[in-house]
Amino acid sequence: MGVEAKVYAALSGFSSLTNLVGDKIYPEHRHQSTGTPAVVYYRAPGGERVTSLKGYSQLENAIIEISVYTSAVDDRRVIADQVISAMSKATAFGSVLPDPPYDDYDDETQTYERTLMFSVWNQTT
């Protein structure tokens, strides 16, 4: 199973998160018509396959970006905290949030966004 599928399983299987966003967890992007709150994840460029003197170690370090979209600023924080909990409690991979999240606001859609960039360590076999 690829790292993206494992991330989806971790997020969609974390009841504290799904209680807040329901099934609005999407790969790559969300359509504005889906409304908020919603979570979008994707594999960002970067990351690496880990090799040793014996060759490829079946371990990868992927960069996974997860964005939270809400209509209220306080909801953005609450949902992002649940995303962090889901990722840190995942058993199919290990993850680290090396940098603080960054926030944005879209005037046109009146949507708050919080983006988290996780360093995810995944065993590929």
PDB file of N, CA and C in Angstrom:
ATOM      1  N   MET A   1       0.848  -1.176   0.000  1.00  0.00           N
ATOM      2  CA  MET A   1       0.000   0.000   0.000  1.00  0.00           C
ATOM      3  C   MET A   1       0.893   1.239   0.000  1.00  0.00           C
ATOM      4  N   GLY A   2       0.595   2.186  -0.871  1.00  0.00           N
ATOM      5  CA  GLY A   2       1.369   3.414  -0.959  1.00  0.00           C
ATOM      6  C   GLY A   2       1.150   4.324   0.235  1.00  0.00           C
ATOM      7  N   VAL A   3       2.056   5.261   0.410  1.00  0.00           N
ATOM      8  CA  VAL A   3       1.983   6.152   1.558  1.00  0.00           C
ATOM      9  C   VAL A   3       0.716   7.004   1.528  1.00  0.00           C
ATOM     10  N   GLU A   4       0.253   7.417   0.355  1.00  0.00           N
ATOM     11  CA  GLU A   4      -0.954   8.228   0.279  1.00  0.00           C
ATOM     12  C   GLU A   4      -2.168   7.460   0.802  1.00  0.00           C
ATOM     13  N   ALA A   5      -2.275   6.194   0.436  1.00  0.00           N
ATOM     14  CA  ALA A   5      -3.385   5.366   0.924  1.00  0.00           C
ATOM     15  C   ALA A   5      -3.293   5.164   2.432  1.00  0.00           C
ATOM     16  N   LYS A   6      -2.081   5.023   2.943  1.00  0.00           N
ATOM     17  CA  LYS A   6      -1.901   4.872   4.392  1.00  0.00           C
ATOM     18  C   LYS A   6      -2.284   6.148   5.132  1.00  0.00           C
ATOM     19  N   VAL A   7      -1.955   7.294   4.560  1.00  0.00           N
ATOM     20  CA  VAL A   7      -2.334   8.573   5.179  1.00  0.00           C
ATOM     21  C   VAL A   7      -3.855   8.707   5.187  1.00  0.00           C
ATOM     22  N   TYR A   8      -4.503   8.386   4.064  1.00  0.00           N
ATOM     23  CA  TYR A   8      -5.966   8.442   4.020  1.00  0.00           C
ATOM     24  C   TYR A   8      -6.575   7.531   5.081  1.00  0.00           C
ATOM     25  N   ALA A   9      -6.047   6.328   5.197  1.00  0.00           N
ATOM     26  CA  ALA A   9      -6.571   5.385   6.199  1.00  0.00           C
ATOM     27  C   ALA A   9      -6.399   5.938   7.615  1.00  0.00           C
ATOM     28  N   ALA A  10      -5.271   6.565   7.883  1.00  0.00           N
ATOM     29  CA  ALA A  10      -5.031   7.134   9.214  1.00  0.00           C
ATOM     30  C   ALA A  10      -5.992   8.284   9.502  1.00  0.00           C
ATOM     31  N   LEU A  11      -6.202   9.150   8.525  1.00  0.00           N
ATOM     32  CA  LEU A  11      -7.090  10.295   8.732  1.00  0.00           C
ATOM     33  C   LEU A  11      -8.554   9.868   8.812  1.00  0.00           C
ATOM     34  N   SER A  12      -8.989   9.057   7.862  1.00  0.00           N
ATOM     35  CA  SER A  12     -10.403   8.665   7.820  1.00  0.00           C
ATOM     36  C   SER A  12     -10.767   7.684   8.931  1.00  0.00           C
ATOM     37  N   GLY A  13      -9.782   7.023   9.503  1.00  0.00           N
ATOM     38  CA  GLY A  13     -10.037   6.089  10.598  1.00  0.00           C
ATOM     39  C   GLY A  13      -9.924   6.711  11.975  1.00  0.00           C
ATOM     40  N   PHE A  14      -9.663   7.994  12.054  1.00  0.00           N
ATOM     41  CA  PHE A  14      -9.497   8.683  13.338  1.00  0.00           C
ATOM     42  C   PHE A  14     -10.812   9.378  13.673  1.00  0.00           C
ATOM     43  N   SER A  15     -11.581   8.787  14.568  1.00  0.00           N
ATOM     44  CA  SER A  15     -12.948   9.252  14.832  1.00  0.00           C
ATOM     45  C   SER A  15     -13.012  10.691  15.345  1.00  0.00           C
ATOM     46  N   SER A  16     -12.025  11.136  16.095  1.00  0.00           N
ATOM     47  CA  SER A  16     -12.047  12.521  16.576  1.00  0.00           C
ATOM     48  C   SER A  16     -11.985  13.508  15.419  1.00  0.00           C
ATOM     49  N   LEU A  17     -11.333  13.111  14.329  1.00  0.00           N
ATOM     50  CA  LEU A  17     -11.275  13.956  13.134  1.00  0.00           C
ATOM     51  C   LEU A  17     -12.553  13.820  12.311  1.00  0.00           C
ATOM     52  N   THR A  18     -12.994  12.604  12.078  1.00  0.00           N
ATOM     53  CA  THR A  18     -14.191  12.420  11.245  1.00  0.00           C
ATOM     54  C   THR A  18     -15.450  12.947  11.932  1.00  0.00           C
ATOM     55  N   ASN A  19     -15.450  13.031  13.251  1.00  0.00           N
ATOM     56  CA  ASN A  19     -16.578  13.663  13.942  1.00  0.00           C
ATOM     57  C   ASN A  19     -16.687  15.142  13.574  1.00  0.00           C
ATOM     58  N   LEU A  20     -15.562  15.748  13.191  1.00  0.00           N
ATOM     59  CA  LEU A  20     -15.537  17.175  12.842  1.00  0.00           C
ATOM     60  C   LEU A  20     -15.731  17.438  11.349  1.00  0.00           C
ATOM     61  N   VAL A  21     -15.181  16.566  10.492  1.00  0.00           N
ATOM     62  CA  VAL A  21     -15.237  16.814   9.040  1.00  0.00           C
ATOM     63  C   VAL A  21     -16.079  15.796   8.279  1.00  0.00           C
ATOM     64  N   GLY A  22     -16.553  14.768   8.944  1.00  0.00           N
ATOM     65  CA  GLY A  22     -17.308  13.732   8.252  1.00  0.00           C
ATOM     66  C   GLY A  22     -16.423  12.996   7.272  1.00  0.00           C
ATOM     67  N   ASP A  23     -16.911  12.795   6.067  1.00  0.00           N
ATOM     68  CA  ASP A  23     -16.127  12.087   5.050  1.00  0.00           C
ATOM     69  C   ASP A  23     -15.423  13.047   4.093  1.00  0.00           C
ATOM     70  N   LYS A  24     -15.323  14.303   4.447  1.00  0.00           N
ATOM     71  CA  LYS A  24     -14.696  15.309   3.579  1.00  0.00           C
ATOM     72  C   LYS A  24     -13.177  15.316   3.753  1.00  0.00           C
ATOM     73  N   ILE A  25     -12.559  14.195   3.385  1.00  0.00           N
ATOM     74  CA  ILE A  25     -11.104  14.038   3.383  1.00  0.00           C
ATOM     75  C   ILE A  25     -10.731  13.652   1.953  1.00  0.00           C
ATOM     76  N   TYR A  26      -9.997  14.534   1.282  1.00  0.00           N
ATOM     77  CA  TYR A  26      -9.771  14.388  -0.150  1.00  0.00           C
ATOM     78  C   TYR A  26      -8.288  14.325  -0.504  1.00  0.00           C
ATOM     79  N   PRO A  27      -7.939  13.530  -1.518  1.00  0.00           N
ATOM     80  CA  PRO A  27      -6.579  13.578  -2.060  1.00  0.00           C
ATOM     81  C   PRO A  27      -6.463  14.732  -3.059  1.00  0.00           C
ATOM     82  N   GLU A  28      -5.330  15.373  -3.078  1.00  0.00           N
ATOM     83  CA  GLU A  28      -4.972  16.386  -4.074  1.00  0.00           C
ATOM     84  C   GLU A  28      -5.696  17.724  -3.949  1.00  0.00           C
ATOM     85  N   HIS A  29      -7.031  17.766  -4.036  1.00  0.00           N
ATOM     86  CA  HIS A  29      -7.760  19.032  -3.969  1.00  0.00           C
ATOM     87  C   HIS A  29      -9.212  18.773  -3.600  1.00  0.00           C
ATOM     88  N   ARG A  30      -9.907  19.840  -3.295  1.00  0.00           N
ATOM     89  CA  ARG A  30     -11.346  19.740  -3.034  1.00  0.00           C
ATOM     90  C   ARG A  30     -12.060  20.716  -3.949  1.00  0.00           C
ATOM     91  N   HIS A  31     -13.260  20.374  -4.316  1.00  0.00           N
ATOM     92  CA  HIS A  31     -14.084  21.294  -5.086  1.00  0.00           C
ATOM     93  C   HIS A  31     -14.726  22.270  -4.115  1.00  0.00           C
ATOM     94  N   GLN A  32     -14.781  23.536  -4.468  1.00  0.00           N
ATOM     95  CA  GLN A  32     -15.355  24.533  -3.568  1.00  0.00           C
ATOM     96  C   GLN A  32     -16.797  24.211  -3.223  1.00  0.00           C
ATOM     97  N   SER A  33     -17.485  23.506  -4.091  1.00  0.00           N
ATOM     98  CA  SER A  33     -18.891  23.168  -3.842  1.00  0.00           C
ATOM     99  C   SER A  33     -19.059  22.161  -2.713  1.00  0.00           C
ATOM    100  N   THR A  34     -17.965  21.502  -2.273  1.00  0.00           N
ATOM    101  CA  THR A  34     -18.091  20.520  -1.194  1.00  0.00           C
ATOM    102  C   THR A  34     -18.262  21.175   0.163  1.00  0.00           C
ATOM    103  N   GLY A  35     -17.932  22.433   0.278  1.00  0.00           N
ATOM    104  CA  GLY A  35     -18.115  23.138   1.544  1.00  0.00           C
ATOM    105  C   GLY A  35     -17.031  22.820   2.552  1.00  0.00           C
ATOM    106  N   THR A  36     -17.202  23.391   3.721  1.00  0.00           N
ATOM    107  CA  THR A  36     -16.239  23.213   4.801  1.00  0.00           C
ATOM    108  C   THR A  36     -16.983  22.734   6.034  1.00  0.00           C
ATOM    109  N   PRO A  37     -16.308  22.140   6.975  1.00  0.00           N
ATOM    110  CA  PRO A  37     -14.873  21.882   7.020  1.00  0.00           C
ATOM    111  C   PRO A  37     -14.479  20.707   6.123  1.00  0.00           C
ATOM    112  N   ALA A  38     -13.233  20.743   5.696  1.00  0.00           N
ATOM    113  CA  ALA A  38     -12.700  19.687   4.847  1.00  0.00           C
ATOM    114  C   ALA A  38     -11.194  19.589   5.045  1.00  0.00           C
ATOM    115  N   VAL A  39     -10.653  18.412   4.707  1.00  0.00           N
ATOM    116  CA  VAL A  39      -9.217  18.150   4.806  1.00  0.00           C
ATOM    117  C   VAL A  39      -8.749  17.638   3.444  1.00  0.00           C
ATOM    118  N   VAL A  40      -7.616  18.166   2.988  1.00  0.00           N
ATOM    119  CA  VAL A  40      -7.026  17.748   1.723  1.00  0.00           C
ATOM    120  C   VAL A  40      -5.578  17.351   1.983  1.00  0.00           C
ATOM    121  N   TYR A  41      -5.173  16.212   1.431  1.00  0.00           N
ATOM    122  CA  TYR A  41      -3.797  15.756   1.607  1.00  0.00           C
ATOM    123  C   TYR A  41      -3.196  15.432   0.241  1.00  0.00           C
ATOM    124  N   TYR A  42      -1.899  15.611   0.137  1.00  0.00           N
ATOM    125  CA  TYR A  42      -1.207  15.156  -1.069  1.00  0.00           C
ATOM    126  C   TYR A  42       0.278  15.002  -0.789  1.00  0.00           C
ATOM    127  N   ARG A  43       0.886  14.227  -1.644  1.00  0.00           N
ATOM    128  CA  ARG A  43       2.330  14.008  -1.539  1.00  0.00           C
ATOM    129  C   ARG A  43       3.032  15.149  -2.260  1.00  0.00           C
ATOM    130  N   ALA A  44       3.753  15.946  -1.500  1.00  0.00           N
ATOM    131  CA  ALA A  44       4.451  17.103  -2.057  1.00  0.00           C
ATOM    132  C   ALA A  44       5.754  16.657  -2.713  1.00  0.00           C
ATOM    133  N   PRO A  45       6.242  17.453  -3.636  1.00  0.00           N
ATOM    134  CA  PRO A  45       7.557  17.144  -4.205  1.00  0.00           C
ATOM    135  C   PRO A  45       8.615  17.137  -3.106  1.00  0.00           C
ATOM    136  N   GLY A  46       9.589  16.319  -3.279  1.00  0.00           N
ATOM    137  CA  GLY A  46      10.630  16.178  -2.267  1.00  0.00           C
ATOM    138  C   GLY A  46      10.536  14.799  -1.637  1.00  0.00           C
ATOM    139  N   GLY A  47      11.169  14.623  -0.535  1.00  0.00           N
ATOM    140  CA  GLY A  47      11.223  13.306   0.066  1.00  0.00           C
ATOM    141  C   GLY A  47      12.223  12.460  -0.688  1.00  0.00           C
ATOM    142  N   GLU A  48      12.446  11.274  -0.213  1.00  0.00           N
ATOM    143  CA  GLU A  48      13.470  10.433  -0.848  1.00  0.00           C
ATOM    144  C   GLU A  48      13.260   8.965  -0.539  1.00  0.00           C
ATOM    145  N   ARG A  49      13.809   8.154  -1.401  1.00  0.00           N
ATOM    146  CA  ARG A  49      13.920   6.725  -1.129  1.00  0.00           C
ATOM    147  C   ARG A  49      15.237   6.549  -0.393  1.00  0.00           C
ATOM    148  N   VAL A  50      15.226   5.787   0.664  1.00  0.00           N
ATOM    149  CA  VAL A  50      16.405   5.645   1.501  1.00  0.00           C
ATOM    150  C   VAL A  50      17.224   4.449   1.027  1.00  0.00           C
ATOM    151  N   THR A  51      18.496   4.686   0.786  1.00  0.00           N
ATOM    152  CA  THR A  51      19.383   3.622   0.352  1.00  0.00           C
ATOM    153  C   THR A  51      20.540   3.489   1.335  1.00  0.00           C
ATOM    154  N   SER A  52      21.156   2.342   1.284  1.00  0.00           N
ATOM    155  CA  SER A  52      22.334   2.081   2.109  1.00  0.00           C
ATOM    156  C   SER A  52      23.399   1.465   1.198  1.00  0.00           C
ATOM    157  N   LEU A  53      24.481   1.003   1.776  1.00  0.00           N
ATOM    158  CA  LEU A  53      25.512   0.358   0.976  1.00  0.00           C
ATOM    159  C   LEU A  53      24.996  -0.920   0.316  1.00  0.00           C
ATOM    160  N   LYS A  54      23.932  -1.486   0.853  1.00  0.00           N
ATOM    161  CA  LYS A  54      23.345  -2.694   0.275  1.00  0.00           C
ATOM    162  C   LYS A  54      22.283  -2.372  -0.775  1.00  0.00           C
ATOM    163  N   GLY A  55      22.005  -1.088  -1.020  1.00  0.00           N
ATOM    164  CA  GLY A  55      21.001  -0.712  -2.001  1.00  0.00           C
ATOM    165  C   GLY A  55      19.762  -0.132  -1.349  1.00  0.00           C
ATOM    166  N   TYR A  56      18.667  -0.167  -2.089  1.00  0.00           N
ATOM    167  CA  TYR A  56      17.406   0.396  -1.625  1.00  0.00           C
ATOM    168  C   TYR A  56      16.924  -0.362  -0.393  1.00  0.00           C
ATOM    169  N   SER A  57      16.569   0.381   0.654  1.00  0.00           N
ATOM    170  CA  SER A  57      16.218  -0.221   1.945  1.00  0.00           C
ATOM    171  C   SER A  57      14.720  -0.477   2.122  1.00  0.00           C
ATOM    172  N   GLN A  58      13.910  -0.231   1.096  1.00  0.00           N
ATOM    173  CA  GLN A  58      12.452  -0.376   1.178  1.00  0.00           C
ATOM    174  C   GLN A  58      11.840   0.635   2.147  1.00  0.00           C
ATOM    175  N   LEU A  59      12.541   1.729   2.387  1.00  0.00           N
ATOM    176  CA  LEU A  59      12.069   2.784   3.272  1.00  0.00           C
ATOM    177  C   LEU A  59      12.057   4.094   2.486  1.00  0.00           C
ATOM    178  N   GLU A  60      10.980   4.846   2.638  1.00  0.00           N
ATOM    179  CA  GLU A  60      10.905   6.142   1.983  1.00  0.00           C
ATOM    180  C   GLU A  60      10.556   7.224   3.003  1.00  0.00           C
ATOM    181  N   ASN A  61      11.045   8.402   2.735  1.00  0.00           N
ATOM    182  CA  ASN A  61      10.727   9.570   3.547  1.00  0.00           C
ATOM    183  C   ASN A  61       9.972  10.537   2.652  1.00  0.00           C
ATOM    184  N   ALA A  62       8.645  10.474   2.712  1.00  0.00           N
ATOM    185  CA  ALA A  62       7.788  11.299   1.862  1.00  0.00           C
ATOM    186  C   ALA A  62       7.394  12.576   2.604  1.00  0.00           C
ATOM    187  N   ILE A  63       7.142  13.627   1.840  1.00  0.00           N
ATOM    188  CA  ILE A  63       6.610  14.870   2.379  1.00  0.00           C
ATOM    189  C   ILE A  63       5.116  14.878   2.056  1.00  0.00           C
ATOM    190  N   ILE A  64       4.294  14.886   3.098  1.00  0.00           N
ATOM    191  CA  ILE A  64       2.841  14.899   2.929  1.00  0.00           C
ATOM    192  C   ILE A  64       2.318  16.233   3.440  1.00  0.00           C
ATOM    193  N   GLU A  65       1.651  16.966   2.560  1.00  0.00           N
ATOM    194  CA  GLU A  65       1.038  18.239   2.931  1.00  0.00           C
ATOM    195  C   GLU A  65      -0.441  18.000   3.201  1.00  0.00           C
ATOM    196  N   ILE A  66      -0.902  18.472   4.339  1.00  0.00           N
ATOM    197  CA  ILE A  66      -2.311  18.336   4.700  1.00  0.00           C
ATOM    198  C   ILE A  66      -2.851  19.725   4.999  1.00  0.00           C
ATOM    199  N   SER A  67      -3.929  20.091   4.293  1.00  0.00           N
ATOM    200  CA  SER A  67      -4.556  21.390   4.488  1.00  0.00           C
ATOM    201  C   SER A  67      -5.946  21.214   5.073  1.00  0.00           C
ATOM    202  N   VAL A  68      -6.262  22.068   6.030  1.00  0.00           N
ATOM    203  CA  VAL A  68      -7.568  22.088   6.678  1.00  0.00           C
ATOM    204  C   VAL A  68      -8.291  23.343   6.207  1.00  0.00           C
ATOM    205  N   TYR A  69      -9.536  23.197   5.758  1.00  0.00           N
ATOM    206  CA  TYR A  69     -10.346  24.316   5.291  1.00  0.00           C
ATOM    207  C   TYR A  69     -11.579  24.436   6.174  1.00  0.00           C
ATOM    208  N   THR A  70     -11.821  25.638   6.686  1.00  0.00           N
ATOM    209  CA  THR A  70     -12.976  25.877   7.540  1.00  0.00           C
ATOM    210  C   THR A  70     -13.580  27.247   7.245  1.00  0.00           C
ATOM    211  N   SER A  71     -14.761  27.478   7.794  1.00  0.00           N
ATOM    212  CA  SER A  71     -15.395  28.793   7.668  1.00  0.00           C
ATOM    213  C   SER A  71     -15.203  29.623   8.937  1.00  0.00           C
ATOM    214  N   ALA A  72     -14.582  29.052   9.962  1.00  0.00           N
ATOM    215  CA  ALA A  72     -14.343  29.766  11.223  1.00  0.00           C
ATOM    216  C   ALA A  72     -12.900  29.557  11.663  1.00  0.00           C
ATOM    217  N   VAL A  73     -12.264  30.612  12.104  1.00  0.00           N
ATOM    218  CA  VAL A  73     -10.859  30.556  12.465  1.00  0.00           C
ATOM    219  C   VAL A  73     -10.591  29.567  13.606  1.00  0.00           C
ATOM    220  N   ASP A  74     -11.459  29.514  14.600  1.00  0.00           N
ATOM    221  CA  ASP A  74     -11.232  28.599  15.724  1.00  0.00           C
ATOM    222  C   ASP A  74     -11.373  27.140  15.299  1.00  0.00           C
ATOM    223  N   ASP A  75     -12.277  26.854  14.358  1.00  0.00           N
ATOM    224  CA  ASP A  75     -12.432  25.487  13.861  1.00  0.00           C
ATOM    225  C   ASP A  75     -11.162  25.019  13.157  1.00  0.00           C
ATOM    226  N   ARG A  76     -10.497  25.933  12.491  1.00  0.00           N
ATOM    227  CA  ARG A  76      -9.254  25.609  11.791  1.00  0.00           C
ATOM    228  C   ARG A  76      -8.234  25.027  12.767  1.00  0.00           C
ATOM    229  N   ARG A  77      -8.107  25.646  13.920  1.00  0.00           N
ATOM    230  CA  ARG A  77      -7.155  25.163  14.926  1.00  0.00           C
ATOM    231  C   ARG A  77      -7.565  23.800  15.485  1.00  0.00           C
ATOM    232  N   VAL A  78      -8.821  23.659  15.808  1.00  0.00           N
ATOM    233  CA  VAL A  78      -9.321  22.412  16.404  1.00  0.00           C
ATOM    234  C   VAL A  78      -9.137  21.235  15.452  1.00  0.00           C
ATOM    235  N   ILE A  79      -9.499  21.419  14.193  1.00  0.00           N
ATOM    236  CA  ILE A  79      -9.382  20.331  13.219  1.00  0.00           C
ATOM    237  C   ILE A  79      -7.914  20.022  12.932  1.00  0.00           C
ATOM    238  N   ALA A  80      -7.087  21.040  12.815  1.00  0.00           N
ATOM    239  CA  ALA A  80      -5.658  20.808  12.584  1.00  0.00           C
ATOM    240  C   ALA A  80      -5.047  20.013  13.738  1.00  0.00           C
ATOM    241  N   ASP A  81      -5.466  20.290  14.963  1.00  0.00           N
ATOM    242  CA  ASP A  81      -4.968  19.522  16.110  1.00  0.00           C
ATOM    243  C   ASP A  81      -5.349  18.051  15.995  1.00  0.00           C
ATOM    244  N   GLN A  82      -6.533  17.772  15.470  1.00  0.00           N
ATOM    245  CA  GLN A  82      -6.961  16.381  15.294  1.00  0.00           C
ATOM    246  C   GLN A  82      -6.185  15.710  14.153  1.00  0.00           C
ATOM    247  N   VAL A  83      -5.849  16.461  13.125  1.00  0.00           N
ATOM    248  CA  VAL A  83      -5.008  15.924  12.049  1.00  0.00           C
ATOM    249  C   VAL A  83      -3.643  15.532  12.619  1.00  0.00           C
ATOM    250  N   ILE A  84      -3.067  16.409  13.434  1.00  0.00           N
ATOM    251  CA  ILE A  84      -1.770  16.112  14.060  1.00  0.00           C
ATOM    252  C   ILE A  84      -1.872  14.861  14.915  1.00  0.00           C
ATOM    253  N   SER A  85      -2.930  14.737  15.686  1.00  0.00           N
ATOM    254  CA  SER A  85      -3.120  13.538  16.521  1.00  0.00           C
ATOM    255  C   SER A  85      -3.250  12.284  15.667  1.00  0.00           C
ATOM    256  N   ALA A  86      -4.033  12.360  14.601  1.00  0.00           N
ATOM    257  CA  ALA A  86      -4.215  11.195  13.719  1.00  0.00           C
ATOM    258  C   ALA A  86      -2.895  10.759  13.115  1.00  0.00           C
ATOM    259  N   MET A  87      -2.108  11.711  12.653  1.00  0.00           N
ATOM    260  CA  MET A  87      -0.827  11.379  12.028  1.00  0.00           C
ATOM    261  C   MET A  87       0.171  10.844  13.049  1.00  0.00           C
ATOM    262  N   SER A  88       0.182  11.386  14.242  1.00  0.00           N
ATOM    263  CA  SER A  88       1.154  10.941  15.247  1.00  0.00           C
ATOM    264  C   SER A  88       0.782   9.582  15.837  1.00  0.00           C
ATOM    265  N   LYS A  89      -0.494   9.231  15.800  1.00  0.00           N
ATOM    266  CA  LYS A  89      -0.931   7.945  16.350  1.00  0.00           C
ATOM    267  C   LYS A  89      -1.018   6.835  15.299  1.00  0.00           C
ATOM    268  N   ALA A  90      -0.716   7.167  14.054  1.00  0.00           N
ATOM    269  CA  ALA A  90      -0.781   6.168  12.983  1.00  0.00           C
ATOM    270  C   ALA A  90       0.225   5.055  13.248  1.00  0.00           C
ATOM    271  N   THR A  91      -0.169   3.829  12.958  1.00  0.00           N
ATOM    272  CA  THR A  91       0.719   2.685  13.167  1.00  0.00           C
ATOM    273  C   THR A  91       1.320   2.163  11.855  1.00  0.00           C
ATOM    274  N   ALA A  92       0.797   2.578  10.710  1.00  0.00           N
ATOM    275  CA  ALA A  92       1.288   2.086   9.425  1.00  0.00           C
ATOM    276  C   ALA A  92       2.522   2.846   8.945  1.00  0.00           C
ATOM    277  N   PHE A  93       2.837   3.960   9.579  1.00  0.00           N
ATOM    278  CA  PHE A  93       3.984   4.788   9.218  1.00  0.00           C
ATOM    279  C   PHE A  93       4.331   5.668  10.409  1.00  0.00           C
ATOM    280  N   GLY A  94       5.485   6.281  10.342  1.00  0.00           N
ATOM    281  CA  GLY A  94       5.881   7.264  11.347  1.00  0.00           C
ATOM    282  C   GLY A  94       5.863   8.645  10.720  1.00  0.00           C
ATOM    283  N   SER A  95       5.530   9.660  11.508  1.00  0.00           N
ATOM    284  CA  SER A  95       5.514  11.002  10.955  1.00  0.00           C
ATOM    285  C   SER A  95       6.012  12.023  11.962  1.00  0.00           C
ATOM    286  N   VAL A  96       6.556  13.097  11.414  1.00  0.00           N
ATOM    287  CA  VAL A  96       7.069  14.203  12.209  1.00  0.00           C
ATOM    288  C   VAL A  96       6.567  15.483  11.561  1.00  0.00           C
ATOM    289  N   LEU A  97       6.186  16.443  12.379  1.00  0.00           N
ATOM    290  CA  LEU A  97       5.804  17.772  11.893  1.00  0.00           C
ATOM    291  C   LEU A  97       6.969  18.706  12.196  1.00  0.00           C
ATOM    292  N   PRO A  98       7.945  18.810  11.265  1.00  0.00           N
ATOM    293  CA  PRO A  98       9.181  19.530  11.582  1.00  0.00           C
ATOM    294  C   PRO A  98       9.031  21.043  11.683  1.00  0.00           C
ATOM    295  N   ASP A  99       8.026  21.603  11.021  1.00  0.00           N
ATOM    296  CA  ASP A  99       7.838  23.052  11.022  1.00  0.00           C
ATOM    297  C   ASP A  99       6.432  23.390  11.494  1.00  0.00           C
ATOM    298  N   PRO A 100       6.245  24.577  12.038  1.00  0.00           N
ATOM    299  CA  PRO A 100       4.891  24.960  12.453  1.00  0.00           C
ATOM    300  C   PRO A 100       3.969  25.098  11.248  1.00  0.00           C
ATOM    301  N   PRO A 101       2.676  24.920  11.456  1.00  0.00           N
ATOM    302  CA  PRO A 101       1.730  25.095  10.356  1.00  0.00           C
ATOM    303  C   PRO A 101       1.702  26.556   9.900  1.00  0.00           C
ATOM    304  N   TYR A 102       1.213  26.755   8.704  1.00  0.00           N
ATOM    305  CA  TYR A 102       1.005  28.141   8.269  1.00  0.00           C
ATOM    306  C   TYR A 102      -0.451  28.321   7.867  1.00  0.00           C
ATOM    307  N   ASP A 103      -0.922  29.543   8.063  1.00  0.00           N
ATOM    308  CA  ASP A 103      -2.338  29.863   7.898  1.00  0.00           C
ATOM    309  C   ASP A 103      -2.557  30.810   6.728  1.00  0.00           C
ATOM    310  N   ASP A 104      -3.769  30.723   6.185  1.00  0.00           N
ATOM    311  CA  ASP A 104      -4.150  31.594   5.079  1.00  0.00           C
ATOM    312  C   ASP A 104      -5.654  31.842   5.174  1.00  0.00           C
ATOM    313  N   TYR A 105      -6.100  32.862   4.460  1.00  0.00           N
ATOM    314  CA  TYR A 105      -7.520  33.179   4.364  1.00  0.00           C
ATOM    315  C   TYR A 105      -7.821  33.586   2.934  1.00  0.00           C
ATOM    316  N   ASP A 106      -8.882  33.037   2.364  1.00  0.00           N
ATOM    317  CA  ASP A 106      -9.298  33.361   1.005  1.00  0.00           C
ATOM    318  C   ASP A 106     -10.510  34.290   1.080  1.00  0.00           C
ATOM    319  N   ASP A 107     -10.317  35.551   0.697  1.00  0.00           N
ATOM    320  CA  ASP A 107     -11.406  36.529   0.744  1.00  0.00           C
ATOM    321  C   ASP A 107     -12.568  36.144  -0.160  1.00  0.00           C
ATOM    322  N   GLU A 108     -12.239  35.583  -1.314  1.00  0.00           N
ATOM    323  CA  GLU A 108     -13.281  35.259  -2.294  1.00  0.00           C
ATOM    324  C   GLU A 108     -14.250  34.197  -1.766  1.00  0.00           C
ATOM    325  N   THR A 109     -13.699  33.146  -1.166  1.00  0.00           N
ATOM    326  CA  THR A 109     -14.554  32.062  -0.660  1.00  0.00           C
ATOM    327  C   THR A 109     -14.833  32.180   0.834  1.00  0.00           C
ATOM    328  N   GLN A 110     -14.196  33.147   1.499  1.00  0.00           N
ATOM    329  CA  GLN A 110     -14.313  33.336   2.949  1.00  0.00           C
ATOM    330  C   GLN A 110     -13.977  32.041   3.692  1.00  0.00           C
ATOM    331  N   THR A 111     -12.849  31.472   3.302  1.00  0.00           N
ATOM    332  CA  THR A 111     -12.406  30.196   3.855  1.00  0.00           C
ATOM    333  C   THR A 111     -11.058  30.366   4.544  1.00  0.00           C
ATOM    334  N   TYR A 112     -10.973  29.815   5.758  1.00  0.00           N
ATOM    335  CA  TYR A 112      -9.713  29.782   6.490  1.00  0.00           C
ATOM    336  C   TYR A 112      -8.987  28.486   6.150  1.00  0.00           C
ATOM    337  N   GLU A 113      -7.666  28.567   6.070  1.00  0.00           N
ATOM    338  CA  GLU A 113      -6.867  27.385   5.750  1.00  0.00           C
ATOM    339  C   GLU A 113      -5.682  27.296   6.702  1.00  0.00           C
ATOM    340  N   ARG A 114      -5.395  26.085   7.128  1.00  0.00           N
ATOM    341  CA  ARG A 114      -4.170  25.800   7.885  1.00  0.00           C
ATOM    342  C   ARG A 114      -3.483  24.643   7.181  1.00  0.00           C
ATOM    343  N   THR A 115      -2.195  24.820   6.850  1.00  0.00           N
ATOM    344  CA  THR A 115      -1.444  23.806   6.131  1.00  0.00           C
ATOM    345  C   THR A 115      -0.335  23.257   7.007  1.00  0.00           C
ATOM    346  N   LEU A 116      -0.251  21.927   7.027  1.00  0.00           N
ATOM    347  CA  LEU A 116       0.752  21.213   7.809  1.00  0.00           C
ATOM    348  C   LEU A 116       1.588  20.366   6.858  1.00  0.00           C
ATOM    349  N   MET A 117       2.890  20.406   7.017  1.00  0.00           N
ATOM    350  CA  MET A 117       3.798  19.613   6.170  1.00  0.00           C
ATOM    351  C   MET A 117       4.445  18.536   7.051  1.00  0.00           C
ATOM    352  N   PHE A 118       4.094  17.292   6.813  1.00  0.00           N
ATOM    353  CA  PHE A 118       4.613  16.177   7.587  1.00  0.00           C
ATOM    354  C   PHE A 118       5.747  15.470   6.844  1.00  0.00           C
ATOM    355  N   SER A 119       6.762  15.100   7.581  1.00  0.00           N
ATOM    356  CA  SER A 119       7.796  14.204   7.088  1.00  0.00           C
ATOM    357  C   SER A 119       7.335  12.802   7.490  1.00  0.00           C
ATOM    358  N   VAL A 120       7.027  11.976   6.504  1.00  0.00           N
ATOM    359  CA  VAL A 120       6.444  10.658   6.771  1.00  0.00           C
ATOM    360  C   VAL A 120       7.441   9.570   6.390  1.00  0.00           C
ATOM    361  N   TRP A 121       7.711   8.689   7.338  1.00  0.00           N
ATOM    362  CA  TRP A 121       8.606   7.554   7.119  1.00  0.00           C
ATOM    363  C   TRP A 121       7.734   6.327   6.892  1.00  0.00           C
ATOM    364  N   ASN A 122       7.886   5.736   5.711  1.00  0.00           N
ATOM    365  CA  ASN A 122       7.029   4.641   5.280  1.00  0.00           C
ATOM    366  C   ASN A 122       7.854   3.456   4.802  1.00  0.00           C
ATOM    367  N   GLN A 123       7.514   2.294   5.315  1.00  0.00           N
ATOM    368  CA  GLN A 123       8.123   1.043   4.828  1.00  0.00           C
ATOM    369  C   GLN A 123       7.343   0.623   3.597  1.00  0.00           C
ATOM    370  N   THR A 124       8.003   0.483   2.462  1.00  0.00           N
ATOM    371  CA  THR A 124       7.304   0.245   1.204  1.00  0.00           C
ATOM    372  C   THR A 124       6.916  -1.210   0.965  1.00  0.00           C
ATOM    373  N   THR A 125       7.404  -2.129   1.766  1.00  0.00           N
ATOM    374  CA  THR A 125       7.025  -3.540   1.564  1.00  0.00           C
ATOM    375  C   THR A 125       6.176  -4.025   2.684  1.00  0.00           C
TER     376      THR A 125
END
